[in-house]
Amino acid sequence: MPLRKLWDSIRGKADKPVAAETRETIPISVAEERARNNVQSQPAADEAASATPSPIRSSAAQPPGPPPGPADATPVRQDASSARKATGAAKPVLDRQDKKLCRRLESMDVQTVLEVGVGDGARGLGVVESLTRHGHSTPVCYIAVDLFEMDEQTADGKAPLQLRDFHRQLREYPAKVHLVPMPADQGLDRVLRTYGQVDVIIWAKPAAPSATQASLLSRLSKPTTVMMKRENGSWSESSSATAVNSRKAA
């Protein structure tokens, strides 16, 4: 074998362990370097973490919200006595004849009442209270025709009833209330065109109905409508058709 080849073969065998040893030491050196870097960077990270302020949580409790209520509250219908007690309204003061009238109306199947001439308003309040008393389940509609404050004075010489005051008092009762501040002729025509026929007509004006008024009252009356008129200090009851026809005949 030539000397050069022999030398190369000997040299190659000698270099193999050195190369293997070099390959094995490289990963070890890299691992040691990485471990050294991690050790050096850990204190810096700890310092940065300790320097950063942590968020402070408020220890104050949040105020509780309102308790959940029902989605739809159904209003409770009150009777006349409960409504009057709840608002502190005084019971209307009636004379003996008006009390008899209210008791009579309470015993009837009445839904719509028309009063012509309200006076001081006590009778109207008594009528509505009687018809909305506990146990009377029929819906009640009260209609009143009067001049109210447009009148100079009432028949007894007292100051006329204020429309706003009367309406405020009637609102205490569970009834539909319609006040018509007009003279009798115009008021009856308005009631006829707006509300139609009624069950009871209370004629409280001192004078008897005129021919025009009698005609309007007949159109406001059903076959079963009752007419209440105060004559000689007492209330008289008759069929509205009979009362109107007698007036026409006269």
Protein backbone atom coordinates (compact mmCIF):
# COMPACT_ATOMS: atom_id res chain seq x y z
CA MET A 1 0.00 0.00 0.00
CA PRO A 2 1.39 3.42 -0.83
CA LEU A 3 2.47 5.42 2.18
CA ARG A 4 0.04 8.26 1.55
CA LYS A 5 -3.00 5.99 1.54
CA LEU A 6 -1.75 4.28 4.64
CA TRP A 7 -1.28 7.63 6.29
CA ASP A 8 -4.72 8.80 5.25
CA SER A 9 -6.33 5.61 6.56
CA ILE A 10 -4.57 5.94 9.87
CA ARG A 11 -5.46 9.61 10.10
CA GLY A 12 -9.14 8.94 9.26
CA LYS A 13 -9.51 6.36 12.05
CA ALA A 14 -7.93 8.72 14.49
CA ASP A 15 -10.22 11.65 13.52
CA LYS A 16 -13.56 9.75 13.95
CA PRO A 17 -13.61 9.73 17.79
CA VAL A 18 -12.65 13.37 17.85
CA ALA A 19 -15.57 14.30 15.56
CA ALA A 20 -18.00 12.23 17.62
CA GLU A 21 -16.71 13.82 20.78
CA THR A 22 -17.16 17.27 19.26
CA ARG A 23 -20.74 16.46 18.21
CA GLU A 24 -21.58 15.25 21.69
CA THR A 25 -20.17 18.30 23.45
CA ILE A 26 -22.08 20.86 21.33
CA PRO A 27 -25.54 20.06 22.69
CA ILE A 28 -24.18 20.05 26.23
CA SER A 29 -22.69 23.49 25.76
CA VAL A 30 -25.93 24.88 24.28
CA ALA A 31 -28.00 23.39 27.13
CA GLU A 32 -25.70 24.85 29.73
CA GLU A 33 -25.87 28.27 28.05
CA ARG A 34 -29.69 28.21 27.99
CA ALA A 35 -29.86 27.14 31.63
CA ARG A 36 -27.47 29.95 32.57
CA ASN A 37 -29.61 32.48 30.70
CA ASN A 38 -32.78 31.26 32.43
CA VAL A 39 -31.19 31.58 35.84
CA GLN A 40 -30.08 35.12 35.08
CA SER A 41 -33.49 36.21 33.64
CA GLN A 42 -35.58 34.77 36.52
CA PRO A 43 -34.72 37.47 39.13
CA ALA A 44 -35.48 40.20 36.58
CA ALA A 45 -38.90 38.68 35.89
CA ASP A 46 -39.59 38.38 39.62
CA GLU A 47 -38.63 42.03 40.10
CA ALA A 48 -40.94 43.16 37.29
CA ALA A 49 -43.80 41.12 38.72
CA SER A 50 -43.36 42.57 42.18
CA ALA A 51 -43.14 46.12 40.81
CA THR A 52 -46.42 45.83 38.84
CA PRO A 53 -49.36 46.78 41.13
CA SER A 54 -52.11 44.20 41.27
CA PRO A 55 -55.70 45.38 40.67
CA ILE A 56 -57.52 46.26 43.91
CA ARG A 57 -60.98 44.83 44.33
CA SER A 58 -63.51 46.96 46.11
CA SER A 59 -64.74 45.34 49.28
CA ALA A 60 -67.90 47.44 49.36
CA ALA A 61 -70.96 45.33 48.59
CA GLN A 62 -73.11 46.42 45.72
CA PRO A 63 -76.49 47.75 46.86
CA PRO A 64 -79.26 45.25 46.27
CA GLY A 65 -81.62 46.08 43.45
CA PRO A 66 -85.38 46.35 43.82
CA PRO A 67 -87.20 43.05 44.18
CA PRO A 68 -88.67 41.78 40.92
CA GLY A 69 -92.34 42.56 40.63
CA PRO A 70 -95.10 41.13 38.48
CA ALA A 71 -94.97 42.04 34.83
CA ASP A 72 -98.64 43.03 34.65
CA ALA A 73 -100.32 44.32 37.76
CA THR A 74 -104.09 43.98 37.68
CA PRO A 75 -105.83 46.84 39.49
CA VAL A 76 -108.16 45.78 42.27
CA ARG A 77 -111.67 47.20 42.04
CA GLN A 78 -112.71 48.77 45.34
CA ASP A 79 -116.23 49.19 46.61
CA ALA A 80 -117.54 52.59 47.66
CA SER A 81 -116.81 52.18 51.39
CA SER A 82 -113.21 51.03 50.80
CA ALA A 83 -112.53 53.84 48.33
CA ARG A 84 -113.92 56.44 50.73
CA LYS A 85 -111.86 55.11 53.67
CA ALA A 86 -108.68 54.96 51.58
CA THR A 87 -108.97 58.60 50.52
CA GLY A 88 -110.46 59.95 53.75
CA ALA A 89 -113.52 61.32 51.92
CA ALA A 90 -116.53 62.16 54.05
CA LYS A 91 -119.78 60.29 53.55
CA PRO A 92 -122.33 62.45 51.69
CA VAL A 93 -124.96 64.02 53.93
CA LEU A 94 -128.47 63.35 52.58
CA ASP A 95 -131.91 64.29 53.76
CA ARG A 96 -134.52 61.66 54.46
CA GLN A 97 -136.08 61.68 51.00
CA ASP A 98 -132.74 61.44 49.20
CA LYS A 99 -131.81 58.46 51.40
CA LYS A 100 -135.03 56.73 50.33
CA LEU A 101 -134.16 57.47 46.72
CA CYS A 102 -130.69 55.92 47.09
CA ARG A 103 -132.11 52.80 48.77
CA ARG A 104 -134.64 52.42 45.97
CA LEU A 105 -131.97 52.71 43.29
CA GLU A 106 -129.76 50.23 45.13
CA SER A 107 -132.53 47.62 44.96
CA MET A 108 -132.90 48.07 41.19
CA ASP A 109 -130.87 46.64 38.32
CA VAL A 110 -129.42 49.98 37.23
CA GLN A 111 -126.47 50.57 34.94
CA THR A 112 -126.89 54.16 33.68
CA VAL A 113 -128.29 57.06 35.71
CA LEU A 114 -128.99 60.55 34.38
CA GLU A 115 -129.47 63.36 36.89
CA VAL A 116 -130.73 66.75 35.72
CA GLY A 117 -129.92 69.39 38.33
CA VAL A 118 -127.35 68.29 40.91
CA GLY A 119 -127.88 70.94 43.60
CA ASP A 120 -125.02 70.78 46.10
CA GLY A 121 -123.86 67.41 44.73
CA ALA A 122 -124.63 65.38 47.87
CA ARG A 123 -127.47 63.45 46.22
CA GLY A 124 -125.32 62.52 43.22
CA LEU A 125 -122.57 61.27 45.53
CA GLY A 126 -125.14 59.25 47.48
CA VAL A 127 -126.53 57.70 44.30
CA VAL A 128 -123.10 56.65 43.05
CA GLU A 129 -122.13 55.30 46.46
CA SER A 130 -125.31 53.23 46.68
CA LEU A 131 -124.85 51.76 43.22
CA THR A 132 -121.17 50.92 43.80
CA ARG A 133 -121.69 49.44 47.26
CA HIS A 134 -120.03 46.10 48.03
CA GLY A 135 -121.99 43.30 46.39
CA HIS A 136 -123.43 45.43 43.57
CA SER A 137 -121.53 44.02 40.60
CA THR A 138 -123.30 45.91 37.78
CA PRO A 139 -121.03 48.49 36.11
CA VAL A 140 -122.37 51.97 36.85
CA CYS A 141 -122.38 55.07 34.66
CA TYR A 142 -123.46 58.36 36.21
CA ILE A 143 -124.31 61.34 33.97
CA ALA A 144 -125.18 64.77 35.32
CA VAL A 145 -126.51 67.81 33.45
CA ASP A 146 -126.15 71.12 35.29
CA LEU A 147 -124.84 74.64 34.84
CA PHE A 148 -122.48 74.21 37.83
CA GLU A 149 -120.48 77.42 38.41
CA MET A 150 -122.09 79.08 35.38
CA ASP A 151 -125.27 79.38 37.42
CA GLU A 152 -125.51 82.44 39.62
CA GLN A 153 -126.96 80.57 42.56
CA THR A 154 -128.86 77.39 43.37
CA ALA A 155 -132.56 77.18 44.16
CA ASP A 156 -131.85 77.42 47.89
CA GLY A 157 -129.72 80.54 47.46
CA LYS A 158 -126.34 78.86 48.03
CA ALA A 159 -123.24 79.23 45.88
CA PRO A 160 -123.29 76.87 42.88
CA LEU A 161 -121.30 73.66 42.90
CA GLN A 162 -117.93 73.82 41.15
CA LEU A 163 -117.59 71.35 38.30
CA ARG A 164 -113.98 70.48 39.20
CA ASP A 165 -114.82 69.85 42.87
CA PHE A 166 -117.78 67.62 42.03
CA HIS A 167 -115.75 65.60 39.54
CA ARG A 168 -112.93 65.16 42.06
CA GLN A 169 -115.39 63.82 44.65
CA LEU A 170 -117.01 61.42 42.20
CA ARG A 171 -113.64 60.02 41.16
CA GLU A 172 -113.37 58.36 44.57
CA TYR A 173 -115.97 55.79 43.50
CA PRO A 174 -115.56 52.93 41.00
CA ALA A 175 -118.00 54.31 38.44
CA LYS A 176 -117.89 56.00 35.06
CA VAL A 177 -118.74 59.67 35.50
CA HIS A 178 -119.76 62.13 32.78
CA LEU A 179 -120.57 65.73 33.72
CA VAL A 180 -122.30 67.92 31.14
CA PRO A 181 -122.02 71.64 32.06
CA MET A 182 -124.89 72.98 29.91
CA PRO A 183 -128.47 74.20 30.21
CA ALA A 184 -131.02 71.39 30.38
CA ASP A 185 -132.13 71.55 26.72
CA GLN A 186 -128.62 71.51 25.29
CA GLY A 187 -127.37 69.07 27.90
CA LEU A 188 -130.09 66.50 27.21
CA ASP A 189 -129.40 66.72 23.49
CA ARG A 190 -125.67 66.19 24.16
CA VAL A 191 -126.38 63.15 26.36
CA LEU A 192 -128.67 61.67 23.71
CA ARG A 193 -126.09 62.07 20.96
CA THR A 194 -123.10 60.98 23.03
CA TYR A 195 -124.27 58.37 25.54
CA GLY A 196 -127.66 57.17 24.34
CA GLN A 197 -130.53 55.85 26.42
CA VAL A 198 -130.41 55.48 30.20
CA ASP A 199 -132.03 53.29 32.87
CA VAL A 200 -133.02 55.97 35.40
CA ILE A 201 -133.71 59.69 35.00
CA ILE A 202 -133.59 61.83 38.14
CA TRP A 203 -135.33 65.13 37.41
CA ALA A 204 -134.22 67.38 40.27
CA LYS A 205 -134.99 70.78 38.75
CA PRO A 206 -137.74 72.75 40.51
CA ALA A 207 -139.74 73.30 37.31
CA ALA A 208 -141.36 70.51 35.33
CA PRO A 209 -139.80 69.57 31.96
CA SER A 210 -140.73 71.81 29.06
CA ALA A 211 -142.10 70.44 25.80
CA THR A 212 -138.63 70.38 24.25
CA GLN A 213 -137.15 68.75 27.31
CA ALA A 214 -139.97 66.19 27.47
CA SER A 215 -139.31 65.23 23.85
CA LEU A 216 -135.61 64.72 24.58
CA LEU A 217 -136.39 62.72 27.72
CA SER A 218 -138.67 60.40 25.73
CA ARG A 219 -135.85 59.72 23.26
CA LEU A 220 -133.46 59.04 26.14
CA SER A 221 -135.84 56.48 27.66
CA LYS A 222 -136.07 52.75 27.15
CA PRO A 223 -139.36 50.90 27.69
CA THR A 224 -138.10 50.06 31.18
CA THR A 225 -136.62 53.45 32.06
CA VAL A 226 -137.78 54.89 35.39
CA MET A 227 -138.35 58.60 35.96
CA MET A 228 -137.73 60.01 39.46
CA LYS A 229 -139.16 63.48 40.15
CA ARG A 230 -139.26 65.38 43.41
CA GLU A 231 -142.69 66.88 43.96
CA ASN A 232 -143.89 68.51 47.18
CA GLY A 233 -140.70 67.45 48.96
CA SER A 234 -141.00 63.73 48.08
CA TRP A 235 -139.65 61.62 45.23
CA SER A 236 -142.22 60.11 42.90
CA GLU A 237 -141.43 57.14 40.70
CA SER A 238 -143.05 56.45 37.35
CA SER A 239 -142.32 55.01 33.98
CA SER A 240 -140.45 57.55 31.92
CA ALA A 241 -142.77 57.04 28.96
CA THR A 242 -145.85 57.61 31.16
CA ALA A 243 -144.37 60.76 32.70
CA VAL A 244 -143.44 62.19 29.32
CA ASN A 245 -146.80 61.38 27.75
CA SER A 246 -148.67 62.98 30.63
CA ARG A 247 -146.55 66.07 30.23
CA LYS A 248 -147.29 66.20 26.49
CA ALA A 249 -151.02 65.79 27.13
CA ALA A 250 -150.96 68.66 29.60
